[in-house]
Protein backbone atom coordinates (compact mmCIF):
# COMPACT_ATOMS: atom_id res chain seq x y z
CA MET A 1 36.23 11.87 -58.86
CA LYS A 2 38.17 14.06 -56.49
CA TYR A 3 39.82 17.47 -56.44
CA GLU A 4 42.20 18.53 -53.70
CA ASN A 5 44.44 21.47 -52.83
CA ASP A 6 46.15 22.55 -49.60
CA ILE A 7 42.93 24.03 -48.15
CA PHE A 8 40.08 21.74 -49.16
CA SER A 9 39.10 18.57 -50.96
CA ILE A 10 35.92 17.74 -52.83
CA GLU A 11 34.55 14.47 -54.10
CA TYR A 12 32.00 14.65 -56.88
CA ASP A 13 30.27 12.49 -59.46
CA ARG A 14 29.01 12.96 -63.00
CA HIS A 15 25.91 14.83 -61.74
CA ASP A 16 28.16 17.63 -60.49
CA GLU A 17 30.53 17.92 -63.45
CA GLU A 18 28.64 20.80 -65.07
CA PHE A 19 29.18 23.17 -62.15
CA ILE A 20 32.12 21.69 -60.23
CA LYS A 21 34.66 23.85 -62.04
CA LEU A 22 32.81 27.02 -61.01
CA LEU A 23 32.55 25.73 -57.44
CA ILE A 24 36.29 25.07 -57.22
CA GLU A 25 37.19 28.39 -58.85
CA SER A 26 34.94 30.29 -56.46
CA LEU A 27 36.44 28.68 -53.37
CA GLU A 28 40.00 29.11 -54.59
CA GLN A 29 39.39 32.77 -55.45
CA LYS A 30 37.70 33.61 -52.14
CA SER A 31 39.56 31.41 -49.65
CA LYS A 32 42.77 33.41 -49.27
CA PRO A 33 41.13 36.86 -48.87
CA ILE A 34 38.74 35.44 -46.28
CA MET A 35 41.54 33.71 -44.40
CA ASN A 36 43.49 36.97 -44.52
CA PHE A 37 40.51 38.81 -43.03
CA PHE A 38 40.54 36.40 -40.07
CA GLU A 39 44.37 36.56 -39.99
CA ILE A 40 44.64 32.81 -40.54
CA ASP A 41 47.74 31.50 -42.30
CA LYS A 42 46.57 27.90 -42.33
CA LEU A 43 43.42 26.10 -41.25
CA SER A 44 43.77 23.62 -38.42
CA LYS A 45 42.62 20.90 -40.81
CA LYS A 46 41.86 20.55 -44.49
CA PHE A 47 38.09 20.65 -44.88
CA GLN A 48 35.90 18.68 -47.24
CA VAL A 49 33.15 19.95 -49.47
CA ILE A 50 30.41 17.34 -49.36
CA ILE A 51 27.62 17.61 -51.93
CA TYR A 52 24.36 15.89 -50.99
CA HIS A 53 22.16 14.38 -53.69
CA ASN A 54 19.87 12.72 -51.15
CA LEU A 55 17.88 15.14 -49.00
CA GLN A 56 17.32 12.62 -46.21
CA ASP A 57 21.06 12.09 -45.85
CA PHE A 58 21.46 15.86 -45.43
CA ILE A 59 18.63 15.97 -42.88
CA ASN A 60 20.26 13.12 -40.97
CA LEU A 61 23.49 15.12 -40.80
CA ILE A 62 21.77 18.28 -39.56
CA THR A 63 19.60 16.49 -37.00
CA GLU A 64 22.33 14.10 -35.85
CA ASN A 65 20.37 11.14 -37.24
CA GLY A 66 17.08 12.40 -35.87
CA GLU A 67 18.27 13.06 -32.32
CA LYS A 68 17.85 16.85 -32.72
CA PRO A 69 14.98 17.36 -35.21
CA GLN A 70 14.62 21.03 -34.21
CA GLN A 71 17.92 21.77 -35.94
CA TYR A 72 16.45 21.24 -39.41
CA ALA A 73 14.10 23.51 -41.35
CA PRO A 74 13.10 23.25 -45.05
CA TRP A 75 15.06 26.40 -45.94
CA ILE A 76 18.41 25.01 -44.76
CA VAL A 77 20.60 24.22 -47.77
CA ALA A 78 24.10 24.08 -46.31
CA SER A 79 26.02 23.68 -43.06
CA ALA A 80 29.59 23.95 -41.82
CA LYS A 81 28.92 21.10 -39.39
CA ASP A 82 31.96 19.09 -38.28
CA GLY A 83 34.36 21.57 -39.86
CA ASN A 84 33.33 20.60 -43.39
CA ILE A 85 31.10 22.35 -45.89
CA ASN A 86 27.98 20.25 -46.38
CA ILE A 87 25.77 21.54 -49.18
CA LEU A 88 22.82 20.26 -51.17
CA SER A 89 23.30 19.56 -54.84
CA LEU A 90 22.23 22.42 -57.09
CA ASP A 91 19.00 20.62 -58.03
CA LEU A 92 18.00 20.05 -54.39
CA TYR A 93 19.16 23.56 -53.45
CA LYS A 94 16.70 25.11 -55.91
CA LYS A 95 13.87 22.96 -54.51
CA ALA A 96 14.43 24.13 -50.93
CA GLU A 97 12.00 26.57 -49.35
CA GLY A 98 12.81 30.14 -50.32
CA HIS A 99 15.44 29.14 -52.88
CA GLU A 100 13.16 28.38 -55.83
CA ASN A 101 14.38 31.38 -57.83
CA CYS A 102 18.06 30.98 -56.99
CA ASP A 103 20.74 30.31 -59.57
CA MET A 104 24.40 29.34 -59.65
CA ARG A 105 25.42 32.78 -58.40
CA HIS A 106 23.38 32.32 -55.22
CA TYR A 107 24.68 28.78 -54.85
CA LEU A 108 28.33 29.88 -54.97
CA LYS A 109 27.70 32.65 -52.45
CA THR A 110 26.18 30.09 -50.10
CA LEU A 111 29.31 27.98 -50.50
CA VAL A 112 31.51 30.97 -49.60
CA HIS A 113 29.18 31.80 -46.69
CA GLU A 114 29.87 28.37 -45.23
CA PHE A 115 33.62 28.80 -45.74
CA VAL A 116 33.42 31.99 -43.67
CA HIS A 117 31.87 29.90 -40.88
CA VAL A 118 34.78 27.45 -41.11
CA CYS A 119 37.28 30.30 -40.74
CA HIS A 120 35.33 32.08 -38.02
CA HIS A 121 35.26 28.86 -35.98
CA GLU A 122 39.06 28.85 -36.09
CA ILE A 123 39.34 32.11 -34.14
CA ILE A 124 36.44 31.79 -31.67
CA LEU A 125 38.00 31.39 -28.24
CA ASP A 126 35.19 29.33 -26.70
CA LYS A 127 34.19 26.76 -29.30
CA LYS A 128 31.14 25.75 -27.26
CA ILE A 129 29.60 29.23 -27.39
CA ARG A 130 28.74 30.25 -30.95
CA PRO A 131 25.86 32.76 -30.97
CA PRO A 132 24.51 33.03 -34.51
CA LEU A 133 23.96 36.80 -34.68
CA LEU A 134 27.53 37.87 -35.51
CA MET A 135 28.44 34.53 -37.11
CA GLU A 136 25.73 34.95 -39.73
CA GLY A 137 26.49 38.65 -40.00
CA ILE A 138 30.13 38.20 -40.96
CA ALA A 139 29.29 35.25 -43.23
CA THR A 140 26.69 37.22 -45.21
CA GLN A 141 28.99 40.25 -45.39
CA LEU A 142 32.10 38.42 -46.63
CA ALA A 143 30.08 36.24 -49.01
CA GLY A 144 28.57 39.36 -50.58
CA GLN A 145 25.00 38.26 -49.93
CA PRO A 146 22.58 41.18 -50.33
CA TYR A 147 20.84 41.02 -46.97
CA LYS A 148 20.05 44.46 -45.59
CA VAL A 149 17.32 46.42 -43.84
CA SER A 150 16.81 50.11 -43.21
CA HIS A 151 15.83 49.52 -39.59
CA ILE A 152 16.11 46.67 -37.07
CA ASP A 153 12.67 46.10 -35.63
CA CYS A 154 12.96 43.36 -33.04
CA LYS A 155 13.98 42.85 -29.43
CA ALA A 156 17.52 41.90 -28.47
CA GLU A 157 16.13 38.77 -26.83
CA ASP A 158 14.81 37.59 -30.20
CA LEU A 159 18.29 37.67 -31.73
CA ILE A 160 19.86 36.06 -28.67
CA ARG A 161 17.41 33.27 -27.87
CA ASN A 162 15.42 32.73 -31.07
CA PHE A 163 17.66 33.95 -33.85
CA TYR A 164 16.63 31.58 -36.65
CA ASP A 165 12.94 31.86 -35.76
CA THR A 166 13.06 35.67 -35.95
CA ALA A 167 11.80 37.26 -39.17
CA ASN A 168 14.58 39.00 -41.15
CA CYS A 169 17.26 37.50 -38.90
CA TYR A 170 19.85 37.34 -41.70
CA GLU A 171 19.07 40.90 -42.78
CA TYR A 172 19.42 42.10 -39.18
CA SER A 173 22.71 40.28 -38.64
CA ASN A 174 24.10 41.57 -41.95
CA SER A 175 23.16 45.16 -41.07
CA ILE A 176 24.66 44.89 -37.59
CA MET A 177 27.90 43.53 -38.99
CA GLY A 178 27.87 46.23 -41.66
CA TYR A 179 27.70 48.81 -38.88
CA LEU A 180 30.66 47.20 -37.09
CA LEU A 181 32.77 46.94 -40.26
CA ASN A 182 32.11 50.59 -41.07
CA THR A 183 32.74 52.02 -37.61
CA LYS A 184 35.32 49.78 -35.92
CA SER A 185 38.93 49.02 -36.73
CA HIS A 186 39.80 45.62 -38.15
CA ASP A 187 41.42 44.60 -34.87
CA GLU A 188 38.31 45.65 -32.94
CA VAL A 189 36.06 43.62 -35.24
CA LEU A 190 38.27 40.55 -34.85
CA ASP A 191 38.20 40.92 -31.07
CA ILE A 192 34.40 40.98 -31.20
CA LEU A 193 34.31 37.93 -33.49
CA ARG A 194 36.62 36.01 -31.16
CA GLU A 195 34.18 36.44 -28.29
CA PRO A 196 30.81 37.20 -29.91
CA HIS A 197 28.88 36.14 -26.80
CA LYS A 198 30.21 39.19 -24.94
CA VAL A 199 28.46 41.80 -27.08
CA ASP A 200 25.55 43.78 -25.66
CA VAL A 201 22.97 43.00 -28.35
CA ALA A 202 20.48 45.64 -27.23
CA GLU A 203 23.16 48.33 -27.40
CA LEU A 204 24.34 46.98 -30.74
CA ILE A 205 20.82 47.20 -32.18
CA GLU A 206 20.50 50.81 -31.01
CA GLN A 207 23.89 51.77 -32.45
CA THR A 208 23.13 50.04 -35.74
CA ASN A 209 19.75 51.78 -36.07
CA ASN A 210 21.41 55.14 -35.45
CA PHE A 211 23.97 54.29 -38.14
CA LEU A 212 21.24 53.20 -40.56
CA ASP A 213 19.21 56.35 -39.88
CA LYS A 214 22.21 58.49 -40.81
CA GLU A 215 22.79 56.45 -43.97
CA ASN A 216 19.15 56.76 -44.96
CA ALA A 217 19.17 60.52 -44.36
CA MET A 218 22.25 60.94 -46.56
CA GLN A 219 20.57 59.06 -49.41
CA GLN A 220 17.46 61.23 -49.36
């Protein structure tokens, strides 16, 4: 079975029928506002949503058929690789490390998170340089994922060189992007997202911590 509109297409089977309507509704509801945020009228290509029922097939995709095994970790449940949204089936998603207590709400937010990556890729000026810090930050922010910390406690080098191996990396990236969205104009944020490799991460961490300290003080 297949569903298709002017933005995306999705092929699914009887195993997906119970939640496919929610998946389609979520993408259709969120796609236009997210594209508007990135000031995109139309994607360069219609993307596919590919649901994986076989974990090894998903691992093969992530690792490029085993050529880059370091790219896969047991907590990975989705990827915007090749300009498509590749996501584990709901059953496999809930068996992945760290996702055991997740439900459909989390699943749909992950789907939207990956769509943000698709849109962000459209505006990045150098497609070969895609540092994860701000990419994950804007994806978690626009997907409404509740990642947040009261203080960033790591070195800039950790978020530049070893982002995914750094504890609380998603929380840190979300908080940094929250600082930018709250203190910069929309045009300024887009300029940063177009060339994310140009940011001074150490300075950004310091500015974000100052912002978080003020927020924390106001809440006390």
